[in-house]
Amino acid sequence: MSRVTHFSRGYVKIRISGKFPERFINLCLSKRIPLWKLVQRNNHIELFTTVAGFKRIRPILKTTECSVKIINKQGLPFILDRMLHYKWLFGCLVLLILLGIWGSMYIWSISINAPANYDTTEIERVLSETGLVKGVLRSRVDPRSISKAIQAEFSEIRWADIRVTGIKADVTIELRPNNADGTLTTGDIVALRDGYLEELIVLDGTALARSGNTITKGQVIVEGKVYSNNLYLHNVAARALIKTSTWYYGNGLASAEYTELQQTGNRSVQFLWKAQGKEGHLYGQRNNYDLYTLQEVSYPLRWRNISTTVEVVKRVYIEQRAVIKELNEEQVKEKAQQAALAAALTQIGPISSPVEISYKYIDLGTMMYVEAILKAYEDITYFSIHQR
């Protein structure tokens, strides 16, 4: 048993003395009475046991002709028992606990974190109007609505973060960066190409699309304007956490017949010289093959104080022949599919993450046409600055 269990249930330290203390220990262990920290003294044994175990040792004491003496009592039951002798102290403790629980349900401290030299007097006014005051019940505070109220009231505030921790409320303010002329850069978030809006969390501005909507090229997703009760207030730089996906298409065409080049086993070797862009035959057979592959090795020859380099070149011509082969239906389909997929993959950017691939097939008799449709997670939005 753990220390926590012993403490919660209570335990005692006892002293066992008599004729057969060793037999007493053995009988306790056989009856699974918990014993620990046994210490052998001159004519007795000291040990710890639980309250329940202490109640079970009396028959064993008679059997082994031993006696027991309680040295001390420890654990939560004995602490509570001692406290009950001082009822007024116990009552005060319970009252303090109840007062602490009651007090923790309210906000008693409000801290506003804003850039230096920024007057927070108006912020305090908005907080008071939205119900965030000292002594308010925590359950009545709506951080999201308070944040929206602050952003709607002050165009220079980019965002306001309201965090309630225990009895304290922290309000953090971040201002929008100004241009060199002191004005704010405002704009919308616009779709760069057709796609699908997987997720949208607006930080600044007004959403004109929802998660799960299909979006088209040029569509405004988040408008850089703030409204209150459908009344326009001011422009902002639209900001949002956006997850979008889009589609890429690729085409592939494959024929059942294809030509494969195979080596015939015939080859010819020719040695030539090269110098200053010219070459001439030295030894060997000249190439007479229509289809061939070429292997070439160069051996430069240099003389002291002569800048011109002369090379001896060995050329090996390996004859090949064209063999017409046929693919079965599955092979033609796979070949066209690979070509279509490769064409689609060449279009996606390095930050795209393909998640789904599907194919469309058109049988053209001896040929197979395949269209690959590749869905990928990709940021297909951009920030469009408002024109003044």
Protein backbone atom coordinates (compact mmCIF):
# COMPACT_ATOMS: atom_id res chain seq x y z
CA MET A 1 0.00 0.00 0.00
CA SER A 2 1.21 3.51 -0.72
CA ARG A 3 1.99 6.18 1.84
CA VAL A 4 -1.05 8.17 0.73
CA THR A 5 -3.33 5.19 1.40
CA HIS A 6 -1.78 4.59 4.83
CA PHE A 7 -2.17 8.27 5.72
CA SER A 8 -5.79 8.49 4.56
CA ARG A 9 -6.86 5.35 6.45
CA GLY A 10 -4.68 5.86 9.50
CA TYR A 11 -1.97 3.66 11.02
CA VAL A 12 -0.34 2.99 14.40
CA LYS A 13 3.11 2.25 15.72
CA ILE A 14 3.00 -0.60 18.25
CA ARG A 15 5.36 -2.51 20.54
CA ILE A 16 5.02 -6.33 20.73
CA SER A 17 6.53 -8.13 23.72
CA GLY A 18 6.04 -11.63 25.18
CA LYS A 19 7.22 -15.23 24.83
CA PHE A 20 6.89 -15.77 21.07
CA PRO A 21 7.06 -12.42 19.20
CA GLU A 22 8.56 -14.14 16.11
CA ARG A 23 5.60 -16.51 15.95
CA PHE A 24 3.29 -13.50 16.26
CA ILE A 25 4.93 -11.92 13.19
CA ASN A 26 4.60 -15.14 11.16
CA LEU A 27 0.91 -15.55 12.00
CA CYS A 28 0.19 -11.92 11.06
CA LEU A 29 1.88 -12.37 7.71
CA SER A 30 0.00 -15.61 7.05
CA LYS A 31 -3.28 -13.78 7.67
CA ARG A 32 -2.11 -10.93 5.36
CA ILE A 33 -2.11 -8.31 8.08
CA PRO A 34 0.06 -5.44 6.76
CA LEU A 35 3.22 -4.88 8.79
CA TRP A 36 6.18 -2.63 7.95
CA LYS A 37 9.27 -1.06 9.44
CA LEU A 38 9.90 -3.88 11.91
CA VAL A 39 12.67 -3.11 14.44
CA GLN A 40 14.04 -5.76 16.88
CA ARG A 41 14.84 -4.39 20.33
CA ASN A 42 16.23 -6.21 23.39
CA ASN A 43 13.03 -7.93 24.49
CA HIS A 44 10.39 -6.57 22.12
CA ILE A 45 9.61 -5.69 18.50
CA GLU A 46 8.41 -2.30 17.25
CA LEU A 47 6.44 -2.08 13.99
CA PHE A 48 3.75 -0.21 12.03
CA THR A 49 0.35 -1.56 11.01
CA THR A 50 -2.95 -0.18 9.75
CA VAL A 51 -5.94 0.57 11.98
CA ALA A 52 -7.80 -2.35 10.41
CA GLY A 53 -4.78 -4.62 10.90
CA PHE A 54 -4.50 -3.61 14.58
CA LYS A 55 -8.06 -4.72 15.19
CA ARG A 56 -7.26 -8.19 13.76
CA ILE A 57 -4.17 -8.97 15.91
CA ARG A 58 -5.92 -9.49 19.26
CA PRO A 59 -6.66 -13.24 18.69
CA ILE A 60 -3.05 -13.73 17.58
CA LEU A 61 -1.79 -12.04 20.79
CA LYS A 62 -3.60 -14.61 22.90
CA THR A 63 -2.31 -17.50 20.82
CA THR A 64 1.34 -16.37 21.03
CA GLU A 65 1.12 -15.11 24.65
CA CYS A 66 2.24 -11.64 23.63
CA SER A 67 1.15 -8.14 24.65
CA VAL A 68 0.82 -4.98 22.62
CA LYS A 69 1.30 -1.31 23.43
CA ILE A 70 0.44 1.59 21.14
CA ILE A 71 3.36 4.00 20.85
CA ASN A 72 1.65 6.61 18.65
CA LYS A 73 -1.22 7.08 16.18
CA GLN A 74 -0.78 8.72 12.80
CA GLY A 75 -2.91 9.52 9.76
CA LEU A 76 -5.89 11.60 8.71
CA PRO A 77 -8.56 9.94 10.93
CA PHE A 78 -6.55 10.73 14.08
CA ILE A 79 -5.86 14.32 12.93
CA LEU A 80 -9.58 14.90 12.36
CA ASP A 81 -10.38 13.30 15.71
CA ARG A 82 -7.98 15.66 17.49
CA MET A 83 -9.42 18.65 15.63
CA LEU A 84 -12.96 17.77 16.74
CA HIS A 85 -11.85 18.46 20.32
CA TYR A 86 -11.42 22.09 19.17
CA LYS A 87 -14.73 22.63 17.38
CA TRP A 88 -14.31 26.40 17.07
CA LEU A 89 -10.95 25.94 15.31
CA PHE A 90 -12.41 23.34 12.96
CA GLY A 91 -15.37 25.60 12.20
CA CYS A 92 -13.08 28.53 11.38
CA LEU A 93 -11.04 26.33 9.03
CA VAL A 94 -14.16 25.17 7.20
CA LEU A 95 -15.39 28.78 6.97
CA LEU A 96 -12.08 29.95 5.52
CA ILE A 97 -12.20 27.20 2.89
CA LEU A 98 -15.76 28.13 1.92
CA LEU A 99 -14.83 31.83 1.73
CA GLY A 100 -11.84 30.97 -0.48
CA ILE A 101 -14.02 28.94 -2.84
CA TRP A 102 -16.63 31.70 -2.97
CA GLY A 103 -14.02 34.41 -3.58
CA SER A 104 -12.36 32.49 -6.40
CA MET A 105 -15.62 32.66 -8.36
CA TYR A 106 -15.20 36.44 -8.84
CA ILE A 107 -12.65 38.69 -10.55
CA TRP A 108 -10.79 40.98 -8.14
CA SER A 109 -7.91 42.18 -10.30
CA ILE A 110 -7.87 43.62 -13.85
CA SER A 111 -4.57 44.26 -15.64
CA ILE A 112 -4.29 46.10 -18.99
CA ASN A 113 -1.11 45.44 -20.98
CA ALA A 114 -0.71 48.06 -23.71
CA PRO A 115 2.23 49.68 -25.56
CA ALA A 116 4.07 52.45 -23.75
CA ASN A 117 2.50 55.94 -23.84
CA TYR A 118 -0.86 54.52 -24.87
CA ASP A 119 -3.76 55.96 -22.84
CA THR A 120 -5.88 53.08 -21.51
CA THR A 121 -8.62 55.27 -20.03
CA GLU A 122 -10.99 54.60 -22.92
CA ILE A 123 -10.14 50.89 -22.79
CA GLU A 124 -11.22 50.84 -19.14
CA ARG A 125 -14.49 52.50 -20.16
CA VAL A 126 -15.23 49.81 -22.77
CA LEU A 127 -14.35 47.07 -20.27
CA SER A 128 -16.79 48.56 -17.77
CA GLU A 129 -19.54 48.83 -20.40
CA THR A 130 -19.07 45.19 -21.41
CA GLY A 131 -19.24 43.99 -17.80
CA LEU A 132 -15.57 43.40 -16.98
CA VAL A 133 -15.26 45.14 -13.59
CA LYS A 134 -13.83 44.16 -10.20
CA GLY A 135 -16.17 41.91 -8.27
CA VAL A 136 -17.95 40.51 -11.31
CA LEU A 137 -18.77 36.81 -11.42
CA ARG A 138 -16.30 34.98 -13.67
CA SER A 139 -19.07 33.08 -15.45
CA ARG A 140 -20.59 36.39 -16.61
CA VAL A 141 -17.42 37.47 -18.46
CA ASP A 142 -17.35 36.71 -22.22
CA PRO A 143 -13.75 37.33 -23.42
CA ARG A 144 -14.67 37.02 -27.12
CA SER A 145 -17.45 39.63 -27.04
CA ILE A 146 -15.25 42.01 -25.01
CA SER A 147 -12.41 41.62 -27.54
CA LYS A 148 -14.77 42.33 -30.45
CA ALA A 149 -16.15 45.40 -28.67
CA ILE A 150 -12.65 46.84 -28.17
CA GLN A 151 -11.66 46.22 -31.81
CA ALA A 152 -14.91 47.75 -33.04
CA GLU A 153 -14.40 50.85 -30.89
CA PHE A 154 -10.76 51.56 -31.73
CA SER A 155 -9.49 51.30 -35.32
CA GLU A 156 -5.84 51.54 -34.22
CA ILE A 157 -6.08 48.31 -32.19
CA ARG A 158 -5.17 45.19 -34.18
CA TRP A 159 -6.37 42.72 -31.59
CA ALA A 160 -7.31 42.45 -27.93
CA ASP A 161 -6.73 39.29 -25.93
CA ILE A 162 -8.78 38.73 -22.75
CA ARG A 163 -7.57 35.97 -20.42
CA VAL A 164 -9.24 35.14 -17.10
CA THR A 165 -7.02 33.16 -14.73
CA GLY A 166 -8.32 32.55 -11.22
CA ILE A 167 -9.37 35.90 -9.73
CA LYS A 168 -7.35 37.93 -12.27
CA ALA A 169 -8.25 39.20 -15.77
CA ASP A 170 -5.40 40.15 -18.14
CA VAL A 171 -6.21 42.41 -21.11
CA THR A 172 -3.47 42.57 -23.77
CA ILE A 173 -3.65 45.19 -26.53
CA GLU A 174 -1.67 45.24 -29.79
CA LEU A 175 -1.73 48.27 -32.07
CA ARG A 176 -1.66 48.26 -35.86
CA PRO A 177 1.65 49.32 -37.45
CA ASN A 178 1.51 52.73 -39.13
CA ASN A 179 3.02 53.69 -42.49
CA ALA A 180 5.69 56.36 -42.80
CA ASP A 181 2.99 59.01 -43.29
CA GLY A 182 1.16 57.87 -40.16
CA THR A 183 -1.66 56.13 -42.00
CA LEU A 184 -2.73 52.51 -41.66
CA THR A 185 -2.38 49.92 -44.42
CA THR A 186 -5.79 48.31 -44.88
CA GLY A 187 -6.95 45.61 -47.27
CA ASP A 188 -8.82 42.36 -47.92
CA ILE A 189 -7.87 38.69 -48.09
CA VAL A 190 -8.63 37.45 -51.62
CA ALA A 191 -8.56 34.03 -53.31
CA LEU A 192 -5.66 33.62 -55.74
CA ARG A 193 -7.29 30.70 -57.59
CA ASP A 194 -10.28 28.38 -57.35
CA GLY A 195 -10.31 26.12 -54.34
CA TYR A 196 -12.04 24.99 -51.16
CA LEU A 197 -12.12 26.80 -47.80
CA GLU A 198 -11.32 24.12 -45.22
CA GLU A 199 -11.16 26.34 -42.14
CA LEU A 200 -11.50 30.05 -41.40
CA ILE A 201 -10.90 31.93 -38.14
CA VAL A 202 -11.13 35.72 -38.59
CA LEU A 203 -8.78 37.84 -36.47
CA ASP A 204 -9.45 41.22 -38.11
CA GLY A 205 -12.16 42.24 -40.56
CA THR A 206 -15.43 40.66 -41.65
CA ALA A 207 -15.81 37.15 -43.09
CA LEU A 208 -17.53 36.97 -46.48
CA ALA A 209 -17.12 33.18 -46.76
CA ARG A 210 -17.51 30.26 -44.40
CA SER A 211 -15.61 27.08 -43.69
CA GLY A 212 -16.76 24.43 -46.14
CA ASN A 213 -17.44 26.88 -48.99
CA THR A 214 -16.00 26.64 -52.49
CA ILE A 215 -14.09 29.79 -53.41
CA THR A 216 -13.27 31.21 -56.83
CA LYS A 217 -10.37 33.26 -58.16
CA GLY A 218 -10.67 36.91 -57.11
CA GLN A 219 -13.31 36.26 -54.42
CA VAL A 220 -12.94 38.31 -51.22
CA ILE A 221 -12.75 35.88 -48.30
CA VAL A 222 -12.20 38.36 -45.44
CA GLU A 223 -13.16 41.99 -46.03
CA GLY A 224 -10.98 44.63 -44.39
CA LYS A 225 -13.93 46.48 -42.89
CA VAL A 226 -15.48 46.48 -39.41
CA TYR A 227 -19.23 46.73 -38.85
CA SER A 228 -21.38 47.09 -35.75
CA ASN A 229 -25.06 46.22 -36.04
CA ASN A 230 -24.64 46.32 -39.86
CA LEU A 231 -23.24 49.87 -39.67
CA TYR A 232 -19.80 50.50 -41.16
CA LEU A 233 -17.21 51.70 -38.61
CA HIS A 234 -13.74 51.73 -40.21
CA ASN A 235 -11.25 49.90 -42.43
CA VAL A 236 -8.68 47.43 -41.12
CA ALA A 237 -5.97 45.15 -42.48
CA ALA A 238 -7.86 41.86 -42.76
CA ARG A 239 -6.19 39.01 -40.86
CA ALA A 240 -7.31 35.42 -40.44
CA LEU A 241 -6.18 31.86 -39.83
CA ILE A 242 -7.04 30.18 -43.13
CA LYS A 243 -6.68 26.60 -44.32
CA THR A 244 -7.45 26.12 -48.01
CA SER A 245 -7.15 23.37 -50.57
CA THR A 246 -7.11 23.43 -54.35
CA TRP A 247 -7.03 21.09 -57.32
CA TYR A 248 -4.44 20.44 -60.01
CA TYR A 249 -5.07 18.56 -63.25
CA GLY A 250 -2.76 16.51 -65.45
CA ASN A 251 -3.34 14.52 -68.65
CA GLY A 252 -1.68 11.32 -69.82
CA LEU A 253 -1.94 9.33 -73.06
CA ALA A 254 -0.57 5.83 -73.59
CA SER A 255 -0.67 3.43 -76.54
CA ALA A 256 -0.90 -0.36 -76.44
CA GLU A 257 2.01 -0.51 -78.90
CA TYR A 258 5.39 1.01 -78.17
CA THR A 259 8.88 0.80 -79.64
CA GLU A 260 11.73 -0.53 -77.55
CA LEU A 261 15.40 -0.25 -78.54
CA GLN A 262 17.40 -3.43 -77.97
CA GLN A 263 21.09 -4.11 -78.48
CA THR A 264 21.97 -6.53 -81.29
CA GLY A 265 25.36 -7.47 -79.85
CA ASN A 266 27.26 -5.84 -82.75
CA ARG A 267 29.72 -3.06 -82.08
CA SER A 268 32.54 -1.22 -83.81
CA VAL A 269 35.55 0.63 -82.35
CA GLN A 270 37.15 3.67 -83.93
CA PHE A 271 40.18 5.76 -82.88
CA LEU A 272 40.42 9.44 -83.91
CA TRP A 273 42.62 12.43 -83.23
CA LYS A 274 41.29 15.83 -82.19
CA ALA A 275 43.09 19.17 -82.22
CA GLN A 276 41.87 22.77 -82.42
CA GLY A 277 38.31 21.72 -83.23
CA LYS A 278 39.32 19.32 -85.97
CA GLU A 279 39.40 15.53 -85.97
CA GLY A 280 40.62 12.72 -88.19
CA HIS A 281 40.40 8.95 -88.45
CA LEU A 282 43.36 6.96 -87.10
CA TYR A 283 42.32 3.32 -86.82
CA GLY A 284 39.31 1.01 -86.61
CA GLN A 285 35.90 0.74 -88.20
CA ARG A 286 33.79 3.71 -89.09
CA ASN A 287 30.17 3.71 -87.94
CA ASN A 288 27.73 2.07 -90.37
CA TYR A 289 24.80 1.52 -87.98
CA ASP A 290 21.46 3.34 -88.37
CA LEU A 291 20.52 2.94 -84.70
CA TYR A 292 23.27 2.92 -82.11
CA THR A 293 24.50 4.21 -78.78
CA LEU A 294 27.87 5.89 -78.46
CA GLN A 295 30.52 5.52 -75.79
CA GLU A 296 33.47 7.89 -75.98
CA VAL A 297 36.75 8.05 -74.04
CA SER A 298 39.33 10.83 -74.54
CA TYR A 299 43.10 10.57 -73.96
CA PRO A 300 44.76 14.04 -74.05
CA LEU A 301 48.38 14.27 -75.26
CA ARG A 302 50.42 17.26 -74.12
CA TRP A 303 53.97 18.39 -74.86
CA ARG A 304 56.11 20.79 -72.89
CA ASN A 305 55.92 24.47 -74.00
CA ILE A 306 53.20 23.61 -76.55
CA SER A 307 49.83 25.14 -75.77
CA THR A 308 47.90 23.12 -78.33
CA THR A 309 46.25 19.98 -76.87
CA VAL A 310 45.96 16.91 -79.04
CA GLU A 311 43.52 14.20 -78.01
CA VAL A 312 43.18 10.58 -79.00
CA VAL A 313 39.52 9.61 -78.86
CA LYS A 314 38.16 6.10 -78.64
CA ARG A 315 34.59 5.72 -79.88
CA VAL A 316 32.53 2.57 -79.40
CA TYR A 317 29.38 2.27 -81.52
CA ILE A 318 26.86 -0.24 -80.14
CA GLU A 319 24.21 -1.26 -82.67
CA GLN A 320 20.54 -1.24 -81.65
CA ARG A 321 17.32 -2.31 -83.29
CA ALA A 322 13.74 -1.13 -82.84
CA VAL A 323 11.32 -3.79 -81.55
CA ILE A 324 7.58 -3.15 -81.46
CA LYS A 325 5.95 -4.47 -78.28
CA GLU A 326 2.42 -4.52 -76.94
CA LEU A 327 1.09 -3.79 -73.44
CA ASN A 328 -1.96 -5.38 -71.91
CA GLU A 329 -4.92 -3.30 -70.79
CA GLU A 330 -3.72 -2.88 -67.21
CA GLN A 331 -0.21 -1.86 -68.32
CA VAL A 332 -1.58 0.74 -70.76
CA LYS A 333 -3.81 2.12 -68.00
CA GLU A 334 -0.94 2.31 -65.52
CA LYS A 335 1.38 4.00 -68.04
CA ALA A 336 -1.20 6.67 -68.89
CA GLN A 337 -1.96 7.12 -65.20
CA GLN A 338 1.71 7.71 -64.34
CA ALA A 339 2.03 10.27 -67.14
CA ALA A 340 -1.08 12.13 -65.93
CA LEU A 341 0.10 12.17 -62.32
CA ALA A 342 3.55 13.45 -63.33
CA ALA A 343 1.91 16.27 -65.30
CA ALA A 344 -0.21 17.26 -62.29
CA LEU A 345 2.72 17.15 -59.86
CA THR A 346 4.78 19.55 -61.99
CA GLN A 347 2.18 22.28 -61.35
CA ILE A 348 2.05 22.26 -57.56
CA GLY A 349 4.32 24.50 -55.51
CA PRO A 350 6.89 23.45 -52.90
CA ILE A 351 4.57 24.38 -50.00
CA SER A 352 1.69 22.26 -51.27
CA SER A 353 0.75 19.06 -49.50
CA PRO A 354 -1.11 16.56 -51.74
CA VAL A 355 -3.87 14.79 -49.82
CA GLU A 356 -6.08 13.10 -52.42
CA ILE A 357 -5.64 11.78 -55.99
CA SER A 358 -8.39 10.57 -58.33
CA TYR A 359 -8.41 9.60 -61.99
CA LYS A 360 -10.78 9.72 -64.97
CA TYR A 361 -10.29 7.20 -67.81
CA ILE A 362 -11.31 7.33 -71.48
CA ASP A 363 -10.67 4.22 -73.60
CA LEU A 364 -9.69 5.20 -77.18
CA GLY A 365 -9.31 1.67 -78.52
CA THR A 366 -5.57 1.11 -78.93
CA MET A 367 -4.88 4.10 -76.64
CA MET A 368 -5.88 5.14 -73.13
CA TYR A 369 -6.49 8.75 -72.03
CA VAL A 370 -6.25 9.51 -68.29
CA GLU A 371 -6.92 12.74 -66.38
CA ALA A 372 -5.36 12.99 -62.90
CA ILE A 373 -7.13 15.21 -60.35
CA LEU A 374 -4.84 16.06 -57.42
CA LYS A 375 -6.23 17.77 -54.32
CA ALA A 376 -3.62 19.56 -52.19
CA TYR A 377 -3.58 21.75 -49.08
CA GLU A 378 -2.13 25.08 -50.15
CA ASP A 379 -2.44 28.73 -49.20
CA ILE A 380 -4.23 30.18 -52.22
CA THR A 381 -4.92 33.60 -50.72
CA TYR A 382 -3.21 36.96 -50.89
CA PHE A 383 -3.56 40.36 -49.24
CA SER A 384 -5.11 43.02 -51.49
CA ILE A 385 -4.37 46.59 -50.30
CA HIS A 386 -7.25 49.06 -50.37
CA GLN A 387 -6.80 51.73 -53.02
CA ARG A 388 -7.06 55.28 -51.66
